Amino acid sequence: MSSPWPPDLTFTMPVAPITTIGNDLQTIVGRAQKAGTVNGVTYIPAGTRAGADTHTRTLSLINRTSAVTVAALTLVSGVDLTDNVAKTITLSTTSANRTINVGDILEWESLHVSNGIADPGGLVVATMALRS
C-alpha cells in the first residue's frame, strides 16, 4: 500500500514586516504532523532591503521544541533581499538540527544585530523530506 503522504512536506507562512529598526519578530511557521528532515528554506521578501555590516539582521528558522537553529542567514553587506525573489536561507551543517519529530514547533525569527535594519516581511517556505 502506498503512503498517503507526499515524499516532501512544505510549510509556508507569511511574516509581518519590521519597520522599526531594533525590533525583532518571532512567527510560528507550523507544527510537524510527520517526522522528517528539513532540506530547504527560502524567504520571499515583500520588498527590497540591502544588507549591511555592523547594524544588520539575522533571519532564522528555529526548531522551538528542541531549541536549535535549522537554517539562518545574516544580511551583511552584499547579502541583499530583492522584492519577490526567493532568498535561500543556509541550512545548519549539523544534521541533527535539521531533524524534525512529530509535534515539533517551527518558528521564524527576524532578529536585529547591533542597531539592526528593517525587514520587509514576506513569505517563509520550508521543505521537509518525510521519514517513514
N, C-alpha and C. Protein backbone atom coordinates (compact mmCIF):
# COMPACT_ATOMS: atom_id res chain seq x y z
N MET A 1 0.85 -1.17 0.00
CA MET A 1 0.00 0.00 0.00
C MET A 1 0.89 1.24 0.00
N SER A 2 0.57 2.18 -0.85
CA SER A 2 1.38 3.39 -0.93
C SER A 2 0.99 4.36 0.19
N SER A 3 1.94 5.22 0.52
CA SER A 3 1.73 6.21 1.58
C SER A 3 0.79 7.31 1.10
N PRO A 4 -0.12 7.76 1.96
CA PRO A 4 -0.99 8.88 1.58
C PRO A 4 -0.24 10.23 1.65
N TRP A 5 0.98 10.20 2.18
CA TRP A 5 1.76 11.43 2.33
C TRP A 5 2.67 11.61 1.13
N PRO A 6 2.85 12.84 0.65
CA PRO A 6 3.82 13.08 -0.42
C PRO A 6 5.24 12.88 0.14
N PRO A 7 6.26 12.72 -0.74
CA PRO A 7 7.62 12.50 -0.25
C PRO A 7 8.19 13.70 0.50
N ASP A 8 7.70 14.89 0.19
CA ASP A 8 8.13 16.11 0.89
C ASP A 8 6.91 16.83 1.43
N LEU A 9 7.10 17.53 2.53
CA LEU A 9 6.06 18.34 3.14
C LEU A 9 6.55 19.77 3.15
N THR A 10 5.72 20.71 2.75
CA THR A 10 6.12 22.12 2.69
C THR A 10 5.31 22.94 3.69
N PHE A 11 6.02 23.72 4.48
CA PHE A 11 5.40 24.69 5.39
C PHE A 11 5.54 26.07 4.73
N THR A 12 4.47 26.84 4.69
CA THR A 12 4.56 28.23 4.22
C THR A 12 3.88 29.12 5.25
N MET A 13 4.48 30.27 5.49
CA MET A 13 3.91 31.20 6.47
C MET A 13 4.26 32.63 6.09
N PRO A 14 3.25 33.49 5.95
CA PRO A 14 3.55 34.91 5.76
C PRO A 14 4.10 35.49 7.06
N VAL A 15 5.07 36.38 6.93
CA VAL A 15 5.62 37.05 8.11
C VAL A 15 5.50 38.56 7.93
N ALA A 16 5.22 39.23 9.03
CA ALA A 16 5.00 40.67 9.02
C ALA A 16 6.32 41.43 8.83
N PRO A 17 6.24 42.62 8.27
CA PRO A 17 7.44 43.45 8.18
C PRO A 17 7.83 44.01 9.54
N ILE A 18 9.09 44.39 9.64
CA ILE A 18 9.59 45.09 10.83
C ILE A 18 10.11 46.43 10.33
N THR A 19 9.36 47.47 10.60
CA THR A 19 9.72 48.79 10.08
C THR A 19 10.52 49.61 11.09
N THR A 20 10.44 49.23 12.35
CA THR A 20 11.19 49.96 13.38
C THR A 20 12.52 49.27 13.61
N ILE A 21 13.59 49.97 13.31
CA ILE A 21 14.93 49.42 13.47
C ILE A 21 15.14 49.09 14.95
N GLY A 22 15.72 47.92 15.20
CA GLY A 22 15.96 47.49 16.57
C GLY A 22 14.90 46.55 17.11
N ASN A 23 13.78 46.40 16.38
CA ASN A 23 12.74 45.47 16.81
C ASN A 23 13.00 44.07 16.25
N ASP A 24 12.45 43.06 16.91
CA ASP A 24 12.55 41.67 16.50
C ASP A 24 11.15 41.11 16.31
N LEU A 25 11.08 39.94 15.63
CA LEU A 25 9.80 39.29 15.43
C LEU A 25 10.00 37.78 15.38
N GLN A 26 9.16 37.07 16.12
CA GLN A 26 9.12 35.61 16.05
C GLN A 26 7.73 35.22 15.56
N THR A 27 7.68 34.31 14.57
CA THR A 27 6.42 33.88 13.97
C THR A 27 6.39 32.36 13.92
N ILE A 28 5.34 31.75 14.45
CA ILE A 28 5.19 30.31 14.37
C ILE A 28 4.91 29.93 12.92
N VAL A 29 5.72 29.02 12.37
CA VAL A 29 5.56 28.56 11.00
C VAL A 29 4.62 27.36 10.96
N GLY A 30 4.74 26.47 11.94
CA GLY A 30 3.84 25.33 11.98
C GLY A 30 4.29 24.27 12.96
N ARG A 31 3.43 23.28 13.12
CA ARG A 31 3.69 22.13 13.99
C ARG A 31 3.81 20.91 13.09
N ALA A 32 4.89 20.15 13.23
CA ALA A 32 5.13 18.99 12.37
C ALA A 32 4.13 17.87 12.66
N GLN A 33 3.43 17.46 11.63
CA GLN A 33 2.48 16.35 11.74
C GLN A 33 3.14 15.02 11.41
N LYS A 34 4.32 15.11 10.76
CA LYS A 34 5.10 13.93 10.40
C LYS A 34 6.56 14.22 10.73
N ALA A 35 7.36 13.16 10.90
CA ALA A 35 8.79 13.31 11.15
C ALA A 35 9.53 13.43 9.82
N GLY A 36 10.64 14.15 9.84
CA GLY A 36 11.43 14.29 8.62
C GLY A 36 12.68 15.11 8.84
N THR A 37 13.27 15.52 7.73
CA THR A 37 14.48 16.32 7.74
C THR A 37 14.28 17.54 6.86
N VAL A 38 14.50 18.72 7.39
CA VAL A 38 14.38 19.94 6.60
C VAL A 38 15.48 19.94 5.55
N ASN A 39 15.08 20.09 4.28
CA ASN A 39 16.06 20.08 3.20
C ASN A 39 16.07 21.37 2.38
N GLY A 40 15.30 22.37 2.80
CA GLY A 40 15.33 23.65 2.12
C GLY A 40 14.51 24.69 2.84
N VAL A 41 15.03 25.91 2.90
CA VAL A 41 14.31 27.04 3.48
C VAL A 41 14.56 28.24 2.58
N THR A 42 13.49 28.93 2.20
CA THR A 42 13.62 30.16 1.44
C THR A 42 12.76 31.25 2.06
N TYR A 43 13.15 32.48 1.80
CA TYR A 43 12.39 33.65 2.25
C TYR A 43 12.10 34.48 1.01
N ILE A 44 10.83 34.74 0.76
CA ILE A 44 10.43 35.56 -0.38
C ILE A 44 9.99 36.90 0.19
N PRO A 45 10.88 37.91 0.13
CA PRO A 45 10.58 39.19 0.77
C PRO A 45 9.55 40.00 -0.03
N ALA A 46 8.79 40.79 0.69
CA ALA A 46 7.78 41.66 0.09
C ALA A 46 8.35 43.04 -0.23
N GLY A 47 9.65 43.17 -0.21
CA GLY A 47 10.32 44.43 -0.52
C GLY A 47 11.81 44.20 -0.67
N THR A 48 12.50 45.21 -1.09
CA THR A 48 13.94 45.12 -1.27
C THR A 48 14.65 45.70 -0.05
N ARG A 49 15.73 45.04 0.38
CA ARG A 49 16.50 45.51 1.54
C ARG A 49 17.95 45.16 1.29
N ALA A 50 18.81 46.15 1.37
CA ALA A 50 20.25 45.92 1.24
C ALA A 50 20.81 45.48 2.59
N GLY A 51 21.68 44.49 2.54
CA GLY A 51 22.36 44.06 3.76
C GLY A 51 23.36 45.10 4.19
N ALA A 52 23.80 45.00 5.43
CA ALA A 52 24.76 45.97 5.97
C ALA A 52 25.64 45.28 7.01
N ASP A 53 26.86 45.75 7.12
CA ASP A 53 27.74 45.24 8.17
C ASP A 53 27.46 46.01 9.46
N THR A 54 27.83 45.50 10.57
CA THR A 54 27.65 46.07 11.91
C THR A 54 26.18 46.12 12.30
N HIS A 55 25.40 46.99 11.70
CA HIS A 55 23.96 47.09 12.01
C HIS A 55 23.22 46.29 10.95
N THR A 56 22.76 45.10 11.31
CA THR A 56 22.20 44.18 10.33
C THR A 56 21.03 43.41 10.93
N ARG A 57 20.70 42.28 10.34
CA ARG A 57 19.57 41.45 10.78
C ARG A 57 19.88 40.00 10.44
N THR A 58 19.49 39.09 11.35
CA THR A 58 19.62 37.65 11.10
C THR A 58 18.24 37.04 10.98
N LEU A 59 18.04 36.27 9.91
CA LEU A 59 16.80 35.56 9.65
C LEU A 59 17.04 34.08 9.91
N SER A 60 16.18 33.44 10.71
CA SER A 60 16.43 32.05 11.10
C SER A 60 15.14 31.25 11.17
N LEU A 61 15.25 29.97 10.82
CA LEU A 61 14.20 29.01 11.11
C LEU A 61 14.69 28.21 12.32
N ILE A 62 13.89 28.20 13.37
CA ILE A 62 14.24 27.58 14.64
C ILE A 62 13.30 26.41 14.90
N ASN A 63 13.85 25.31 15.39
CA ASN A 63 13.01 24.24 15.93
C ASN A 63 12.83 24.62 17.40
N ARG A 64 11.70 25.22 17.72
CA ARG A 64 11.46 25.73 19.07
C ARG A 64 11.41 24.60 20.08
N THR A 65 10.94 23.42 19.68
CA THR A 65 10.81 22.30 20.59
C THR A 65 12.17 21.84 21.11
N SER A 66 13.14 21.72 20.21
CA SER A 66 14.48 21.26 20.62
C SER A 66 15.47 22.42 20.77
N ALA A 67 15.01 23.65 20.56
CA ALA A 67 15.82 24.86 20.76
C ALA A 67 17.10 24.85 19.92
N VAL A 68 16.96 24.50 18.63
CA VAL A 68 18.11 24.53 17.73
C VAL A 68 17.79 25.33 16.48
N THR A 69 18.84 25.87 15.86
CA THR A 69 18.69 26.60 14.60
C THR A 69 18.74 25.62 13.44
N VAL A 70 17.69 25.62 12.64
CA VAL A 70 17.58 24.75 11.47
C VAL A 70 18.29 25.39 10.28
N ALA A 71 18.10 26.70 10.10
CA ALA A 71 18.69 27.44 8.99
C ALA A 71 18.79 28.90 9.39
N ALA A 72 19.79 29.61 8.85
CA ALA A 72 19.95 31.02 9.21
C ALA A 72 20.70 31.76 8.11
N LEU A 73 20.45 33.06 8.03
CA LEU A 73 21.15 33.94 7.10
C LEU A 73 21.25 35.32 7.74
N THR A 74 22.46 35.86 7.77
CA THR A 74 22.67 37.22 8.27
C THR A 74 22.81 38.15 7.07
N LEU A 75 22.06 39.23 7.10
CA LEU A 75 22.03 40.18 5.98
C LEU A 75 23.19 41.17 6.08
N VAL A 76 24.40 40.65 5.86
CA VAL A 76 25.58 41.51 5.86
C VAL A 76 25.69 42.20 4.51
N SER A 77 26.63 43.12 4.38
CA SER A 77 26.85 43.82 3.13
C SER A 77 27.04 42.83 1.99
N GLY A 78 26.28 43.00 0.92
CA GLY A 78 26.35 42.10 -0.23
C GLY A 78 25.35 40.96 -0.18
N VAL A 79 24.72 40.74 0.98
CA VAL A 79 23.65 39.74 1.12
C VAL A 79 22.35 40.52 1.21
N ASP A 80 21.69 40.68 0.07
CA ASP A 80 20.53 41.56 -0.04
C ASP A 80 19.24 40.78 -0.27
N LEU A 81 18.13 41.42 0.05
CA LEU A 81 16.81 40.88 -0.26
C LEU A 81 16.24 41.68 -1.43
N THR A 82 15.66 40.98 -2.40
CA THR A 82 15.06 41.62 -3.56
C THR A 82 13.58 41.29 -3.58
N ASP A 83 12.75 42.30 -3.77
CA ASP A 83 11.30 42.17 -3.75
C ASP A 83 10.83 40.98 -4.60
N ASN A 84 10.12 40.06 -3.96
CA ASN A 84 9.50 38.89 -4.59
C ASN A 84 10.48 37.92 -5.24
N VAL A 85 11.74 37.94 -4.82
CA VAL A 85 12.73 36.98 -5.30
C VAL A 85 13.14 36.10 -4.12
N ALA A 86 12.96 34.78 -4.27
CA ALA A 86 13.27 33.84 -3.18
C ALA A 86 14.75 33.90 -2.82
N LYS A 87 15.02 34.02 -1.52
CA LYS A 87 16.38 34.03 -0.99
C LYS A 87 16.57 32.74 -0.21
N THR A 88 17.60 31.96 -0.57
CA THR A 88 17.88 30.71 0.14
C THR A 88 18.47 31.03 1.52
N ILE A 89 17.92 30.39 2.53
CA ILE A 89 18.42 30.51 3.89
C ILE A 89 19.32 29.29 4.13
N THR A 90 20.54 29.53 4.59
CA THR A 90 21.55 28.48 4.72
C THR A 90 21.15 27.47 5.80
N LEU A 91 21.11 26.19 5.41
CA LEU A 91 20.78 25.12 6.35
C LEU A 91 21.93 24.90 7.32
N SER A 92 21.59 24.51 8.54
CA SER A 92 22.60 24.16 9.53
C SER A 92 23.45 23.00 9.00
N THR A 93 24.75 23.06 9.25
CA THR A 93 25.63 21.97 8.84
C THR A 93 25.55 20.79 9.81
N THR A 94 24.87 20.98 10.94
CA THR A 94 24.64 19.90 11.91
C THR A 94 23.35 19.18 11.53
N SER A 95 23.47 17.97 11.02
CA SER A 95 22.29 17.26 10.51
C SER A 95 21.20 17.08 11.58
N ALA A 96 21.59 16.90 12.84
CA ALA A 96 20.60 16.73 13.91
C ALA A 96 19.72 17.98 14.06
N ASN A 97 20.26 19.16 13.73
CA ASN A 97 19.47 20.40 13.83
C ASN A 97 18.36 20.46 12.79
N ARG A 98 18.53 19.71 11.70
CA ARG A 98 17.53 19.71 10.62
C ARG A 98 16.50 18.59 10.79
N THR A 99 16.70 17.74 11.81
CA THR A 99 15.79 16.62 12.07
C THR A 99 14.56 17.13 12.82
N ILE A 100 13.39 16.80 12.28
CA ILE A 100 12.12 17.25 12.86
C ILE A 100 11.33 16.03 13.29
N ASN A 101 10.79 16.07 14.50
CA ASN A 101 9.96 14.99 15.03
C ASN A 101 8.50 15.42 15.06
N VAL A 102 7.62 14.46 15.08
CA VAL A 102 6.19 14.76 15.17
C VAL A 102 5.95 15.66 16.38
N GLY A 103 5.22 16.73 16.18
CA GLY A 103 4.89 17.65 17.27
C GLY A 103 5.86 18.81 17.43
N ASP A 104 7.01 18.77 16.76
CA ASP A 104 7.96 19.89 16.87
C ASP A 104 7.34 21.17 16.31
N ILE A 105 7.65 22.28 16.95
CA ILE A 105 7.17 23.59 16.53
C ILE A 105 8.30 24.31 15.80
N LEU A 106 8.03 24.73 14.56
CA LEU A 106 8.99 25.51 13.79
C LEU A 106 8.63 26.99 13.89
N GLU A 107 9.64 27.81 14.09
CA GLU A 107 9.42 29.25 14.29
C GLU A 107 10.41 30.04 13.44
N TRP A 108 9.95 31.10 12.84
CA TRP A 108 10.79 32.02 12.07
C TRP A 108 11.18 33.17 12.98
N GLU A 109 12.46 33.50 12.99
CA GLU A 109 12.93 34.63 13.78
C GLU A 109 13.60 35.65 12.87
N SER A 110 13.27 36.90 13.08
CA SER A 110 13.94 38.02 12.42
C SER A 110 14.49 38.89 13.55
N LEU A 111 15.81 38.77 13.77
CA LEU A 111 16.43 39.42 14.93
C LEU A 111 17.42 40.48 14.49
N HIS A 112 17.35 41.65 15.13
CA HIS A 112 18.31 42.71 14.81
C HIS A 112 19.68 42.40 15.42
N VAL A 113 20.72 42.85 14.74
CA VAL A 113 22.09 42.74 15.22
C VAL A 113 22.59 44.18 15.37
N SER A 114 23.13 44.50 16.54
CA SER A 114 23.51 45.87 16.89
C SER A 114 22.25 46.73 16.79
N ASN A 115 22.24 47.80 16.01
CA ASN A 115 21.02 48.61 15.88
C ASN A 115 20.02 47.97 14.93
N GLY A 116 20.51 47.11 14.02
CA GLY A 116 19.63 46.40 13.10
C GLY A 116 19.28 47.19 11.85
N ILE A 117 18.57 46.51 10.94
CA ILE A 117 17.98 47.12 9.76
C ILE A 117 16.54 46.62 9.69
N ALA A 118 15.72 47.27 8.89
CA ALA A 118 14.32 46.87 8.74
C ALA A 118 14.23 45.54 7.99
N ASP A 119 13.09 44.88 8.14
CA ASP A 119 12.79 43.62 7.45
C ASP A 119 11.49 43.88 6.68
N PRO A 120 11.49 43.65 5.35
CA PRO A 120 10.29 43.97 4.57
C PRO A 120 9.13 43.00 4.78
N GLY A 121 9.37 41.91 5.53
CA GLY A 121 8.32 40.90 5.66
C GLY A 121 8.22 40.11 4.37
N GLY A 122 7.40 39.07 4.37
CA GLY A 122 7.27 38.26 3.17
C GLY A 122 6.73 36.89 3.48
N LEU A 123 7.26 35.89 2.79
CA LEU A 123 6.77 34.52 2.93
C LEU A 123 7.95 33.59 3.20
N VAL A 124 7.82 32.78 4.25
CA VAL A 124 8.82 31.76 4.57
C VAL A 124 8.32 30.43 4.00
N VAL A 125 9.21 29.71 3.33
CA VAL A 125 8.88 28.39 2.78
C VAL A 125 9.94 27.41 3.25
N ALA A 126 9.51 26.39 3.99
CA ALA A 126 10.43 25.36 4.48
C ALA A 126 9.95 24.01 3.94
N THR A 127 10.88 23.24 3.36
CA THR A 127 10.55 21.93 2.80
C THR A 127 11.21 20.85 3.64
N MET A 128 10.46 19.79 3.91
CA MET A 128 10.95 18.71 4.76
C MET A 128 10.74 17.38 4.05
N ALA A 129 11.82 16.60 3.93
CA ALA A 129 11.72 15.22 3.43
C ALA A 129 11.18 14.35 4.55
N LEU A 130 10.13 13.62 4.28
CA LEU A 130 9.48 12.81 5.33
C LEU A 130 10.25 11.53 5.60
N ARG A 131 10.21 11.11 6.86
CA ARG A 131 10.77 9.82 7.28
C ARG A 131 9.62 8.84 7.42
N SER A 132 9.87 7.61 7.10
CA SER A 132 8.80 6.61 7.24
C SER A 132 8.84 5.98 8.61
